[in-house]
Amino acid sequence: MSRAGCLSARPHASVVDFERPLPVNATTALRTYLDFEKPILELENKVAELKALDTGGKGPQIADEIAKLEQKAKAALVDTYARLTPWQKTLVARHPERPHALDFIGGLIEDFTPLAGDRYFAEDEAIVGGLGKFRGRPVLVLGHEKGSDTEKRIKHNFGMARPEGYRKAVRLMELANRFGLPIVTFVDTPGAYPGIGAEERGQAEAIARSTECCLRLGVPIVAVIVGEGGSGGAIAIATANRILMLEHAIYSVISPEGAASIIWRDSNKKEEAATNMKITAQDLDQLGVIDAIVKEPTGGAHRDRESVIIATGNAIARMLSEFDGKTADEIRAQRHERFLSIGR
């Protein structure tokens, strides 16, 4: 597979409210721009202003100027995103308009039936899960959901799961294993919730049991890092046979801010930490931590949700097909070997 396509990989890798955020064709006025995108914002604002003046389409000079500015804005966008630093990729991965788990579920999974509760303590909205069909194939889906506005972010606790979220994940994964259903997970979390209540209810133990559950299942698991893959909170549902990463996603043991605070006792060194931690999809592909990169539209996944969801679906389908006809023991052995081989 070529790295130029929507899926790049190393040679050996081959009725629900989905809480959608802004529409795909959100206008410049509604779109959120990151600090390093300010030159692009200025150009796109000028284009919007000229278009507002040329409502009748009767000004050839204005039309020519609009075309020139649009081309200049596009070139600036391409150039900016071709040389993003690891810290800038971190900001893109955290973009508030980036598609989250429920967007991918809504775009890829038919007849999705959500399942809730850990059968011990409570329902945790930070991890969503349920049964559905992926391109005609029954699957179990799990994912961290950050939420698309203030109310939903609070509801989903910004994608930071409590112990009951991971216990729910274990319950659903065991259900999938019982019925021989492949598992697809969408990872997007800054990390597990570090609150006192979560610690009192056994946060570390819940994460460890979820990770262990992934390792012993006899059905294929494909995980997709769609935004942030933070610490054990991410790996708890990403201990998979195949791990995909969106082009501008990040995956690390700790956030750059957290690493800077620990190593240098200065969170302002977050950019240096991001560079040294090797948290980008490109770095992790080279290190063998992930199996493939899903290319994002120019300007990031938030600029064209539909195309990145389709590209992700194609990548998932390709990865799942690798395990057709394999026995549970073969699937389990491949997963074990995959993780044991990292760092060799």
C-alpha atoms as a PDB file:
ATOM      1  CA  MET A   1       0.000   0.000   0.000  1.00  0.00           C
ATOM      2  CA  SER A   2       1.293   3.422  -0.844  1.00  0.00           C
ATOM      3  CA  ARG A   3       1.765   6.126   1.754  1.00  0.00           C
ATOM      4  CA  ALA A   4       0.291   8.556  -0.737  1.00  0.00           C
ATOM      5  CA  GLY A   5      -3.134   6.937  -0.534  1.00  0.00           C
ATOM      6  CA  CYS A   6      -5.776   7.338   2.126  1.00  0.00           C
ATOM      7  CA  LEU A   7      -4.235   4.406   4.013  1.00  0.00           C
ATOM      8  CA  SER A   8      -0.507   4.112   4.499  1.00  0.00           C
ATOM      9  CA  ALA A   9       1.107   1.195   6.243  1.00  0.00           C
ATOM     10  CA  ARG A  10       4.377  -0.609   6.734  1.00  0.00           C
ATOM     11  CA  PRO A  11       4.954  -3.491   4.293  1.00  0.00           C
ATOM     12  CA  HIS A  12       4.048  -6.174   6.869  1.00  0.00           C
ATOM     13  CA  ALA A  13       0.755  -4.514   7.871  1.00  0.00           C
ATOM     14  CA  SER A  14      -1.239  -4.690   5.385  1.00  0.00           C
ATOM     15  CA  VAL A  15     -32.648   5.008  16.382  1.00  0.00           C
ATOM     16  CA  VAL A  16     -29.722   6.949  18.216  1.00  0.00           C
ATOM     17  CA  ASP A  17     -28.772  10.628  18.638  1.00  0.00           C
ATOM     18  CA  PHE A  18     -25.185  10.682  17.472  1.00  0.00           C
ATOM     19  CA  GLU A  19     -24.655  14.199  18.801  1.00  0.00           C
ATOM     20  CA  ARG A  20     -23.106  15.519  15.615  1.00  0.00           C
ATOM     21  CA  PRO A  21     -21.116  18.772  15.938  1.00  0.00           C
ATOM     22  CA  LEU A  22     -21.009  21.435  13.204  1.00  0.00           C
ATOM     23  CA  PRO A  23     -22.020  20.428   9.676  1.00  0.00           C
ATOM     24  CA  VAL A  24     -19.287  19.365   7.274  1.00  0.00           C
ATOM     25  CA  ASN A  25     -19.534  22.601   5.288  1.00  0.00           C
ATOM     26  CA  ALA A  26     -19.272  24.880   8.327  1.00  0.00           C
ATOM     27  CA  THR A  27     -18.562  28.457   7.323  1.00  0.00           C
ATOM     28  CA  THR A  28     -15.454  30.423   8.182  1.00  0.00           C
ATOM     29  CA  ALA A  29     -17.428  32.349  10.796  1.00  0.00           C
ATOM     30  CA  LEU A  30     -18.352  29.135  12.611  1.00  0.00           C
ATOM     31  CA  ARG A  31     -15.052  27.296  12.224  1.00  0.00           C
ATOM     32  CA  THR A  32     -12.512  27.322  15.044  1.00  0.00           C
ATOM     33  CA  TYR A  33      -9.000  28.301  13.968  1.00  0.00           C
ATOM     34  CA  LEU A  34      -5.867  27.305  15.853  1.00  0.00           C
ATOM     35  CA  ASP A  35      -3.144  29.881  16.617  1.00  0.00           C
ATOM     36  CA  PHE A  36      -0.851  28.721  13.827  1.00  0.00           C
ATOM     37  CA  GLU A  37      -3.758  28.979  11.341  1.00  0.00           C
ATOM     38  CA  LYS A  38      -4.166  32.768  11.706  1.00  0.00           C
ATOM     39  CA  PRO A  39      -2.687  33.572   8.250  1.00  0.00           C
ATOM     40  CA  ILE A  40      -5.199  31.131   6.723  1.00  0.00           C
ATOM     41  CA  LEU A  41      -8.013  32.723   8.727  1.00  0.00           C
ATOM     42  CA  GLU A  42      -7.140  36.181   7.393  1.00  0.00           C
ATOM     43  CA  LEU A  43      -7.172  34.977   3.791  1.00  0.00           C
ATOM     44  CA  GLU A  44     -10.429  33.045   4.182  1.00  0.00           C
ATOM     45  CA  ASN A  45     -12.049  36.039   5.883  1.00  0.00           C
ATOM     46  CA  LYS A  46     -11.062  38.243   2.946  1.00  0.00           C
ATOM     47  CA  VAL A  47     -12.601  35.717   0.558  1.00  0.00           C
ATOM     48  CA  ALA A  48     -15.827  35.694   2.593  1.00  0.00           C
ATOM     49  CA  GLU A  49     -15.945  39.510   2.614  1.00  0.00           C
ATOM     50  CA  LEU A  50     -15.466  39.733  -1.157  1.00  0.00           C
ATOM     51  CA  LYS A  51     -18.116  37.103  -1.770  1.00  0.00           C
ATOM     52  CA  ALA A  52     -20.528  39.106   0.375  1.00  0.00           C
ATOM     53  CA  LEU A  53     -19.832  42.181  -1.782  1.00  0.00           C
ATOM     54  CA  ASP A  54     -20.232  40.209  -5.013  1.00  0.00           C
ATOM     55  CA  THR A  55     -23.659  38.737  -4.270  1.00  0.00           C
ATOM     56  CA  GLY A  56     -24.926  39.456  -7.797  1.00  0.00           C
ATOM     57  CA  GLY A  57     -21.901  37.938  -9.490  1.00  0.00           C
ATOM     58  CA  LYS A  58     -21.578  41.010 -11.704  1.00  0.00           C
ATOM     59  CA  GLY A  59     -18.046  42.065 -10.830  1.00  0.00           C
ATOM     60  CA  PRO A  60     -15.387  40.252 -12.925  1.00  0.00           C
ATOM     61  CA  GLN A  61     -12.588  42.012 -11.075  1.00  0.00           C
ATOM     62  CA  ILE A  62     -13.950  40.885  -7.716  1.00  0.00           C
ATOM     63  CA  ALA A  63     -14.405  37.373  -9.065  1.00  0.00           C
ATOM     64  CA  ASP A  64     -10.768  37.283 -10.192  1.00  0.00           C
ATOM     65  CA  GLU A  65      -9.619  38.579  -6.815  1.00  0.00           C
ATOM     66  CA  ILE A  66     -11.720  35.949  -5.036  1.00  0.00           C
ATOM     67  CA  ALA A  67     -10.183  33.198  -7.173  1.00  0.00           C
ATOM     68  CA  LYS A  68      -6.654  34.440  -6.429  1.00  0.00           C
ATOM     69  CA  LEU A  69      -7.292  34.668  -2.692  1.00  0.00           C
ATOM     70  CA  GLU A  70      -8.913  31.225  -2.616  1.00  0.00           C
ATOM     71  CA  GLN A  71      -5.888  29.755  -4.354  1.00  0.00           C
ATOM     72  CA  LYS A  72      -3.569  31.571  -1.955  1.00  0.00           C
ATOM     73  CA  ALA A  73      -5.546  30.344   1.077  1.00  0.00           C
ATOM     74  CA  LYS A  74      -5.495  26.779  -0.236  1.00  0.00           C
ATOM     75  CA  ALA A  75      -1.735  26.939  -0.831  1.00  0.00           C
ATOM     76  CA  ALA A  76      -1.187  28.336   2.683  1.00  0.00           C
ATOM     77  CA  LEU A  77      -3.290  25.527   4.147  1.00  0.00           C
ATOM     78  CA  VAL A  78      -1.366  22.858   2.241  1.00  0.00           C
ATOM     79  CA  ASP A  79       1.997  24.366   3.205  1.00  0.00           C
ATOM     80  CA  THR A  80       1.051  24.757   6.875  1.00  0.00           C
ATOM     81  CA  TYR A  81      -0.217  21.200   7.280  1.00  0.00           C
ATOM     82  CA  ALA A  82       2.715  19.713   5.365  1.00  0.00           C
ATOM     83  CA  ARG A  83       5.132  20.857   8.086  1.00  0.00           C
ATOM     84  CA  LEU A  84       3.230  20.624  11.350  1.00  0.00           C
ATOM     85  CA  THR A  85       5.345  20.215  14.472  1.00  0.00           C
ATOM     86  CA  PRO A  86       4.417  17.501  17.000  1.00  0.00           C
ATOM     87  CA  TRP A  87       2.903  20.190  19.248  1.00  0.00           C
ATOM     88  CA  GLN A  88       0.832  21.591  16.414  1.00  0.00           C
ATOM     89  CA  LYS A  89      -0.387  18.058  15.655  1.00  0.00           C
ATOM     90  CA  THR A  90      -1.384  17.823  19.307  1.00  0.00           C
ATOM     91  CA  LEU A  91      -3.528  20.931  18.883  1.00  0.00           C
ATOM     92  CA  VAL A  92      -5.114  19.501  15.722  1.00  0.00           C
ATOM     93  CA  ALA A  93      -5.818  16.203  17.514  1.00  0.00           C
ATOM     94  CA  ARG A  94      -7.648  18.199  20.209  1.00  0.00           C
ATOM     95  CA  HIS A  95      -9.556  20.425  17.772  1.00  0.00           C
ATOM     96  CA  PRO A  96     -13.115  20.916  19.127  1.00  0.00           C
ATOM     97  CA  GLU A  97     -14.676  20.265  15.698  1.00  0.00           C
ATOM     98  CA  ARG A  98     -12.763  17.058  15.045  1.00  0.00           C
ATOM     99  CA  PRO A  99     -15.021  14.010  14.526  1.00  0.00           C
ATOM    100  CA  HIS A 100     -15.443  11.903  17.654  1.00  0.00           C
ATOM    101  CA  ALA A 101     -16.510   8.312  18.290  1.00  0.00           C
ATOM    102  CA  LEU A 102     -20.224   8.939  17.785  1.00  0.00           C
ATOM    103  CA  ASP A 103     -19.524  10.608  14.434  1.00  0.00           C
ATOM    104  CA  PHE A 104     -17.625   7.530  13.251  1.00  0.00           C
ATOM    105  CA  ILE A 105     -20.326   5.230  14.613  1.00  0.00           C
ATOM    106  CA  GLY A 106     -23.025   7.282  12.921  1.00  0.00           C
ATOM    107  CA  GLY A 107     -21.161   7.240   9.611  1.00  0.00           C
ATOM    108  CA  LEU A 108     -19.971   3.631   9.585  1.00  0.00           C
ATOM    109  CA  ILE A 109     -22.248   1.476  11.726  1.00  0.00           C
ATOM    110  CA  GLU A 110     -25.757   0.489  10.637  1.00  0.00           C
ATOM    111  CA  ASP A 111     -28.512  -0.528  13.078  1.00  0.00           C
ATOM    112  CA  PHE A 112     -26.388   0.587  16.031  1.00  0.00           C
ATOM    113  CA  THR A 113     -27.882  -0.489  19.355  1.00  0.00           C
ATOM    114  CA  PRO A 114     -26.149   1.150  22.351  1.00  0.00           C
ATOM    115  CA  LEU A 115     -25.515  -0.952  25.441  1.00  0.00           C
ATOM    116  CA  ALA A 116     -24.968   0.689  28.815  1.00  0.00           C
ATOM    117  CA  GLY A 117     -23.863  -0.010  32.363  1.00  0.00           C
ATOM    118  CA  ASP A 118     -21.124  -2.078  33.991  1.00  0.00           C
ATOM    119  CA  ARG A 119     -23.585  -4.155  36.102  1.00  0.00           C
ATOM    120  CA  TYR A 120     -21.622  -3.150  39.216  1.00  0.00           C
ATOM    121  CA  PHE A 121     -21.896   0.562  39.868  1.00  0.00           C
ATOM    122  CA  ALA A 122     -23.160   2.875  37.120  1.00  0.00           C
ATOM    123  CA  GLU A 123     -23.206   3.906  33.481  1.00  0.00           C
ATOM    124  CA  ASP A 124     -20.186   5.891  32.273  1.00  0.00           C
ATOM    125  CA  GLU A 125     -20.928   8.141  29.292  1.00  0.00           C
ATOM    126  CA  ALA A 126     -17.224   8.675  28.532  1.00  0.00           C
ATOM    127  CA  ILE A 127     -17.126   5.282  26.825  1.00  0.00           C
ATOM    128  CA  VAL A 128     -19.917   4.463  24.383  1.00  0.00           C
ATOM    129  CA  GLY A 129     -20.513   0.985  23.071  1.00  0.00           C
ATOM    130  CA  GLY A 130     -23.001  -1.275  21.386  1.00  0.00           C
ATOM    131  CA  LEU A 131     -23.822  -3.696  18.618  1.00  0.00           C
ATOM    132  CA  GLY A 132     -24.319  -2.916  14.957  1.00  0.00           C
ATOM    133  CA  LYS A 133     -23.371  -3.812  11.417  1.00  0.00           C
ATOM    134  CA  PHE A 134     -20.229  -2.622   9.693  1.00  0.00           C
ATOM    135  CA  ARG A 135     -20.708  -2.998   5.941  1.00  0.00           C
ATOM    136  CA  GLY A 136     -23.146  -5.831   6.501  1.00  0.00           C
ATOM    137  CA  ARG A 137     -21.006  -7.563   9.129  1.00  0.00           C
ATOM    138  CA  PRO A 138     -22.151  -7.736  12.778  1.00  0.00           C
ATOM    139  CA  VAL A 139     -19.623  -6.084  15.089  1.00  0.00           C
ATOM    140  CA  LEU A 140     -19.234  -4.709  18.578  1.00  0.00           C
ATOM    141  CA  VAL A 141     -18.170  -1.061  18.704  1.00  0.00           C
ATOM    142  CA  LEU A 142     -16.535   0.815  21.589  1.00  0.00           C
ATOM    143  CA  GLY A 143     -15.198   4.341  21.750  1.00  0.00           C
ATOM    144  CA  HIS A 144     -14.269   7.301  23.898  1.00  0.00           C
ATOM    145  CA  GLU A 145     -16.689  10.176  23.323  1.00  0.00           C
ATOM    146  CA  LYS A 146     -15.556  13.718  24.159  1.00  0.00           C
ATOM    147  CA  GLY A 147     -18.766  15.528  23.198  1.00  0.00           C
ATOM    148  CA  SER A 148     -19.314  18.303  20.681  1.00  0.00           C
ATOM    149  CA  ASP A 149     -20.475  21.213  22.865  1.00  0.00           C
ATOM    150  CA  THR A 150     -20.235  22.281  26.495  1.00  0.00           C
ATOM    151  CA  GLU A 151     -23.295  20.340  27.649  1.00  0.00           C
ATOM    152  CA  LYS A 152     -22.227  17.117  25.920  1.00  0.00           C
ATOM    153  CA  ARG A 153     -18.608  17.459  26.964  1.00  0.00           C
ATOM    154  CA  ILE A 154     -19.735  17.588  30.580  1.00  0.00           C
ATOM    155  CA  LYS A 155     -22.091  14.642  29.986  1.00  0.00           C
ATOM    156  CA  HIS A 156     -19.255  12.566  28.493  1.00  0.00           C
ATOM    157  CA  ASN A 157     -16.670  13.896  30.973  1.00  0.00           C
ATOM    158  CA  PHE A 158     -14.462  15.080  28.084  1.00  0.00           C
ATOM    159  CA  GLY A 159     -13.798  11.458  27.106  1.00  0.00           C
ATOM    160  CA  MET A 160     -12.128  10.615  30.435  1.00  0.00           C
ATOM    161  CA  ALA A 161     -13.569   7.322  31.616  1.00  0.00           C
ATOM    162  CA  ARG A 162     -14.106   6.233  35.194  1.00  0.00           C
ATOM    163  CA  PRO A 163     -13.664   2.606  36.363  1.00  0.00           C
ATOM    164  CA  GLU A 164     -17.246   1.761  35.448  1.00  0.00           C
ATOM    165  CA  GLY A 165     -16.504   2.777  31.853  1.00  0.00           C
ATOM    166  CA  TYR A 166     -13.711   0.219  31.575  1.00  0.00           C
ATOM    167  CA  ARG A 167     -15.796  -2.423  33.356  1.00  0.00           C
ATOM    168  CA  LYS A 168     -18.560  -1.764  30.839  1.00  0.00           C
ATOM    169  CA  ALA A 169     -15.975  -2.209  28.075  1.00  0.00           C
ATOM    170  CA  VAL A 170     -14.939  -5.569  29.543  1.00  0.00           C
ATOM    171  CA  ARG A 171     -18.566  -6.688  29.763  1.00  0.00           C
ATOM    172  CA  LEU A 172     -19.230  -5.777  26.137  1.00  0.00           C
ATOM    173  CA  MET A 173     -15.985  -7.275  24.820  1.00  0.00           C
ATOM    174  CA  GLU A 174     -16.736 -10.552  26.581  1.00  0.00           C
ATOM    175  CA  LEU A 175     -20.194 -10.474  25.012  1.00  0.00           C
ATOM    176  CA  ALA A 176     -18.611 -10.047  21.582  1.00  0.00           C
ATOM    177  CA  ASN A 177     -16.229 -12.916  22.260  1.00  0.00           C
ATOM    178  CA  ARG A 178     -19.121 -15.170  23.283  1.00  0.00           C
ATOM    179  CA  PHE A 179     -20.888 -14.577  19.963  1.00  0.00           C
ATOM    180  CA  GLY A 180     -17.792 -14.412  17.766  1.00  0.00           C
ATOM    181  CA  LEU A 181     -18.169 -10.745  16.827  1.00  0.00           C
ATOM    182  CA  PRO A 182     -15.189  -8.642  15.670  1.00  0.00           C
ATOM    183  CA  ILE A 183     -14.528  -5.559  17.806  1.00  0.00           C
ATOM    184  CA  VAL A 184     -13.845  -2.041  16.508  1.00  0.00           C
ATOM    185  CA  THR A 185     -12.734   0.652  18.946  1.00  0.00           C
ATOM    186  CA  PHE A 186     -12.365   4.417  18.475  1.00  0.00           C
ATOM    187  CA  VAL A 187      -9.806   5.887  20.865  1.00  0.00           C
ATOM    188  CA  ASP A 188      -9.965   9.579  21.753  1.00  0.00           C
ATOM    189  CA  THR A 189      -9.132  10.464  25.330  1.00  0.00           C
ATOM    190  CA  PRO A 190      -6.614  12.638  27.197  1.00  0.00           C
ATOM    191  CA  GLY A 191      -6.496   9.780  29.712  1.00  0.00           C
ATOM    192  CA  ALA A 192      -8.578   8.010  32.323  1.00  0.00           C
ATOM    193  CA  TYR A 193     -10.360  10.260  34.810  1.00  0.00           C
ATOM    194  CA  PRO A 194      -8.010  10.942  37.789  1.00  0.00           C
ATOM    195  CA  GLY A 195     -10.681  11.956  40.316  1.00  0.00           C
ATOM    196  CA  ILE A 196     -10.772  10.755  43.916  1.00  0.00           C
ATOM    197  CA  GLY A 197     -13.976   8.766  43.400  1.00  0.00           C
ATOM    198  CA  ALA A 198     -12.498   6.985  40.393  1.00  0.00           C
ATOM    199  CA  GLU A 199      -9.394   6.055  42.370  1.00  0.00           C
ATOM    200  CA  GLU A 200     -11.517   4.841  45.282  1.00  0.00           C
ATOM    201  CA  ARG A 201     -13.439   2.549  42.929  1.00  0.00           C
ATOM    202  CA  GLY A 202     -10.276   0.996  41.500  1.00  0.00           C
ATOM    203  CA  GLN A 203      -9.324   2.964  38.405  1.00  0.00           C
ATOM    204  CA  ALA A 204      -5.951   1.277  37.865  1.00  0.00           C
ATOM    205  CA  GLU A 205      -7.403  -2.198  38.396  1.00  0.00           C
ATOM    206  CA  ALA A 206     -10.246  -1.525  35.952  1.00  0.00           C
ATOM    207  CA  ILE A 207      -7.802  -0.334  33.259  1.00  0.00           C
ATOM    208  CA  ALA A 208      -5.568  -3.373  33.823  1.00  0.00           C
ATOM    209  CA  ARG A 209      -8.516  -5.783  33.554  1.00  0.00           C
ATOM    210  CA  SER A 210      -9.731  -4.129  30.369  1.00  0.00           C
ATOM    211  CA  THR A 211      -6.250  -4.426  28.840  1.00  0.00           C
ATOM    212  CA  GLU A 212      -6.008  -8.059  29.939  1.00  0.00           C
ATOM    213  CA  CYS A 213      -9.462  -8.754  28.506  1.00  0.00           C
ATOM    214  CA  CYS A 214      -8.349  -7.437  25.105  1.00  0.00           C
ATOM    215  CA  LEU A 215      -5.347  -9.771  25.150  1.00  0.00           C
ATOM    216  CA  ARG A 216      -7.306 -12.952  25.870  1.00  0.00           C
ATOM    217  CA  LEU A 217     -10.180 -12.535  23.418  1.00  0.00           C
ATOM    218  CA  GLY A 218     -10.426 -14.903  20.457  1.00  0.00           C
ATOM    219  CA  VAL A 219     -12.043 -12.404  18.090  1.00  0.00           C
ATOM    220  CA  PRO A 220     -10.189  -9.778  16.017  1.00  0.00           C
ATOM    221  CA  ILE A 221      -9.902  -6.260  17.430  1.00  0.00           C
ATOM    222  CA  VAL A 222      -9.163  -3.210  15.293  1.00  0.00           C
ATOM    223  CA  ALA A 223      -8.482   0.036  17.176  1.00  0.00           C
ATOM    224  CA  VAL A 224      -8.423   3.487  15.607  1.00  0.00           C
ATOM    225  CA  ILE A 225      -6.730   6.436  17.339  1.00  0.00           C
ATOM    226  CA  VAL A 226      -8.929   9.246  16.028  1.00  0.00           C
ATOM    227  CA  GLY A 227      -7.741  12.128  18.229  1.00  0.00           C
ATOM    228  CA  GLU A 228      -5.829  11.788  21.469  1.00  0.00           C
ATOM    229  CA  GLY A 229      -4.633   8.411  22.670  1.00  0.00           C
ATOM    230  CA  GLY A 230      -3.682   9.183  26.233  1.00  0.00           C
ATOM    231  CA  SER A 231      -1.975   6.757  28.607  1.00  0.00           C
ATOM    232  CA  GLY A 232      -3.587   3.601  30.020  1.00  0.00           C
ATOM    233  CA  GLY A 233      -6.990   5.140  29.465  1.00  0.00           C
ATOM    234  CA  ALA A 234      -6.382   4.668  25.741  1.00  0.00           C
ATOM    235  CA  ILE A 235      -4.579   1.343  25.704  1.00  0.00           C
ATOM    236  CA  ALA A 236      -7.362  -0.227  27.796  1.00  0.00           C
ATOM    237  CA  ILE A 237      -9.440  -0.491  24.617  1.00  0.00           C
ATOM    238  CA  ALA A 238      -6.568  -0.273  22.102  1.00  0.00           C
ATOM    239  CA  THR A 239      -4.756  -3.543  22.867  1.00  0.00           C
ATOM    240  CA  ALA A 240      -5.755  -4.737  19.432  1.00  0.00           C
ATOM    241  CA  ASN A 241      -4.651  -6.996  16.586  1.00  0.00           C
ATOM    242  CA  ARG A 242      -4.369  -3.934  14.367  1.00  0.00           C
ATOM    243  CA  ILE A 243      -3.983  -0.299  15.412  1.00  0.00           C
ATOM    244  CA  LEU A 244      -4.786   2.511  12.983  1.00  0.00           C
ATOM    245  CA  MET A 245      -4.069   6.176  13.538  1.00  0.00           C
ATOM    246  CA  LEU A 246      -5.446   9.231  11.820  1.00  0.00           C
ATOM    247  CA  GLU A 247      -2.686  11.304  10.251  1.00  0.00           C
ATOM    248  CA  HIS A 248      -2.819  14.135  12.801  1.00  0.00           C
ATOM    249  CA  ALA A 249      -3.756  12.089  15.883  1.00  0.00           C
ATOM    250  CA  ILE A 250      -1.387  11.575  18.820  1.00  0.00           C
ATOM    251  CA  TYR A 251      -0.720   8.523  21.026  1.00  0.00           C
ATOM    252  CA  SER A 252       1.415   8.684  24.156  1.00  0.00           C
ATOM    253  CA  VAL A 253       1.918   7.536  27.718  1.00  0.00           C
ATOM    254  CA  ILE A 254       1.244  11.056  29.029  1.00  0.00           C
ATOM    255  CA  SER A 255       0.274  14.446  27.659  1.00  0.00           C
ATOM    256  CA  PRO A 256       3.095  16.802  26.557  1.00  0.00           C
ATOM    257  CA  GLU A 257       2.091  19.204  29.347  1.00  0.00           C
ATOM    258  CA  GLY A 258       2.249  16.413  31.922  1.00  0.00           C
ATOM    259  CA  ALA A 259       5.623  15.189  30.693  1.00  0.00           C
ATOM    260  CA  ALA A 260       7.048  18.721  30.760  1.00  0.00           C
ATOM    261  CA  SER A 261       5.804  19.224  34.315  1.00  0.00           C
ATOM    262  CA  ILE A 262       7.433  15.979  35.481  1.00  0.00           C
ATOM    263  CA  ILE A 263      10.735  16.197  33.583  1.00  0.00           C
ATOM    264  CA  TRP A 264      11.432  19.935  33.664  1.00  0.00           C
ATOM    265  CA  ARG A 265       8.904  21.013  36.281  1.00  0.00           C
ATOM    266  CA  ASP A 266       7.752  23.532  33.704  1.00  0.00           C
ATOM    267  CA  SER A 267       4.605  22.921  31.649  1.00  0.00           C
ATOM    268  CA  ASN A 268       5.687  25.700  29.266  1.00  0.00           C
ATOM    269  CA  LYS A 269       8.169  23.215  27.793  1.00  0.00           C
ATOM    270  CA  LYS A 270       5.272  21.227  26.350  1.00  0.00           C
ATOM    271  CA  GLU A 271       6.448  21.792  22.757  1.00  0.00           C
ATOM    272  CA  GLU A 272       9.876  20.337  23.537  1.00  0.00           C
ATOM    273  CA  ALA A 273       8.211  17.414  25.308  1.00  0.00           C
ATOM    274  CA  ALA A 274       5.896  16.727  22.363  1.00  0.00           C
ATOM    275  CA  THR A 275       8.882  16.579  20.004  1.00  0.00           C
ATOM    276  CA  ASN A 276      10.965  14.267  22.189  1.00  0.00           C
ATOM    277  CA  MET A 277       8.125  11.895  23.127  1.00  0.00           C
ATOM    278  CA  LYS A 278       7.523  10.673  19.548  1.00  0.00           C
ATOM    279  CA  ILE A 279       3.755  10.965  19.828  1.00  0.00           C
ATOM    280  CA  THR A 280       2.778  11.492  16.184  1.00  0.00           C
ATOM    281  CA  ALA A 281       1.381   8.851  13.839  1.00  0.00           C
ATOM    282  CA  GLN A 282       4.468   9.149  11.629  1.00  0.00           C
ATOM    283  CA  ASP A 283       6.862   8.510  14.532  1.00  0.00           C
ATOM    284  CA  LEU A 284       4.815   5.616  15.891  1.00  0.00           C
ATOM    285  CA  ASP A 285       4.541   4.020  12.457  1.00  0.00           C
ATOM    286  CA  GLN A 286       8.325   4.021  12.203  1.00  0.00           C
ATOM    287  CA  LEU A 287       8.641   2.555  15.704  1.00  0.00           C
ATOM    288  CA  GLY A 288       6.166  -0.243  14.952  1.00  0.00           C
ATOM    289  CA  VAL A 289       3.666   0.822  17.618  1.00  0.00           C
ATOM    290  CA  ILE A 290       0.856   1.260  15.079  1.00  0.00           C
ATOM    291  CA  ASP A 291       0.076  -0.633  11.879  1.00  0.00           C
ATOM    292  CA  ALA A 292      -1.210   2.013   9.482  1.00  0.00           C
ATOM    293  CA  ILE A 293      -1.941   5.717   9.059  1.00  0.00           C
ATOM    294  CA  VAL A 294      -5.269   6.969   7.715  1.00  0.00           C
ATOM    295  CA  LYS A 295      -4.635  10.116   5.686  1.00  0.00           C
ATOM    296  CA  GLU A 296      -6.672  13.170   6.662  1.00  0.00           C
ATOM    297  CA  PRO A 297      -8.019  15.877   4.353  1.00  0.00           C
ATOM    298  CA  THR A 298      -5.777  18.932   3.943  1.00  0.00           C
ATOM    299  CA  GLY A 299      -6.386  21.081   7.002  1.00  0.00           C
ATOM    300  CA  GLY A 300      -7.313  18.191   9.285  1.00  0.00           C
ATOM    301  CA  ALA A 301     -10.243  15.847   9.769  1.00  0.00           C
ATOM    302  CA  HIS A 302     -12.454  18.668  11.064  1.00  0.00           C
ATOM    303  CA  ARG A 303     -12.492  20.312   7.617  1.00  0.00           C
ATOM    304  CA  ASP A 304     -14.030  17.285   5.893  1.00  0.00           C
ATOM    305  CA  ARG A 305     -15.530  14.799   8.319  1.00  0.00           C
ATOM    306  CA  GLU A 306     -17.290  12.749   5.656  1.00  0.00           C
ATOM    307  CA  SER A 307     -14.165  11.892   3.667  1.00  0.00           C
ATOM    308  CA  VAL A 308     -12.091  10.963   6.719  1.00  0.00           C
ATOM    309  CA  ILE A 309     -14.892   8.745   8.060  1.00  0.00           C
ATOM    310  CA  ILE A 310     -15.089   6.931   4.711  1.00  0.00           C
ATOM    311  CA  ALA A 311     -11.283   6.535   4.583  1.00  0.00           C
ATOM    312  CA  THR A 312     -11.306   5.171   8.142  1.00  0.00           C
ATOM    313  CA  GLY A 313     -14.043   2.698   7.224  1.00  0.00           C
ATOM    314  CA  ASN A 314     -12.015   1.457   4.257  1.00  0.00           C
ATOM    315  CA  ALA A 315      -8.979   0.970   6.488  1.00  0.00           C
ATOM    316  CA  ILE A 316     -10.978  -0.912   9.133  1.00  0.00           C
ATOM    317  CA  ALA A 317     -12.512  -3.199   6.492  1.00  0.00           C
ATOM    318  CA  ARG A 318      -9.063  -3.991   5.104  1.00  0.00           C
ATOM    319  CA  MET A 319      -7.676  -4.822   8.520  1.00  0.00           C
ATOM    320  CA  LEU A 320     -10.628  -6.994   9.546  1.00  0.00           C
ATOM    321  CA  SER A 321     -10.369  -8.979   6.314  1.00  0.00           C
ATOM    322  CA  GLU A 322      -6.872 -10.119   7.319  1.00  0.00           C
ATOM    323  CA  PHE A 323      -8.425 -12.276  10.041  1.00  0.00           C
ATOM    324  CA  ASP A 324     -11.133 -13.959   7.996  1.00  0.00           C
ATOM    325  CA  GLY A 325     -10.879 -17.726   8.416  1.00  0.00           C
ATOM    326  CA  LYS A 326      -8.424 -17.567  11.325  1.00  0.00           C
ATOM    327  CA  THR A 327      -9.086 -19.514  14.508  1.00  0.00           C
ATOM    328  CA  ALA A 328      -9.458 -17.926  17.934  1.00  0.00           C
ATOM    329  CA  ASP A 329      -6.040 -19.272  18.951  1.00  0.00           C
ATOM    330  CA  GLU A 330      -4.401 -17.785  15.854  1.00  0.00           C
ATOM    331  CA  ILE A 331      -6.028 -14.403  16.443  1.00  0.00           C
ATOM    332  CA  ARG A 332      -5.005 -14.410  20.089  1.00  0.00           C
ATOM    333  CA  ALA A 333      -1.433 -15.484  19.293  1.00  0.00           C
ATOM    334  CA  GLN A 334      -1.058 -12.750  16.669  1.00  0.00           C
ATOM    335  CA  ARG A 335      -2.184 -10.104  19.158  1.00  0.00           C
ATOM    336  CA  HIS A 336       0.243 -11.329  21.818  1.00  0.00           C
ATOM    337  CA  GLU A 337       3.144 -11.414  19.361  1.00  0.00           C
ATOM    338  CA  ARG A 338       2.260  -7.975  18.031  1.00  0.00           C
ATOM    339  CA  PHE A 339       2.772  -6.360  21.428  1.00  0.00           C
ATOM    340  CA  LEU A 340       5.742  -8.496  22.465  1.00  0.00           C
ATOM    341  CA  SER A 341       7.566  -7.498  19.281  1.00  0.00           C
ATOM    342  CA  ILE A 342       7.348  -3.739  19.917  1.00  0.00           C
ATOM    343  CA  GLY A 343      10.839  -2.438  20.683  1.00  0.00           C
ATOM    344  CA  ARG A 344      12.713  -5.484  19.448  1.00  0.00           C
END
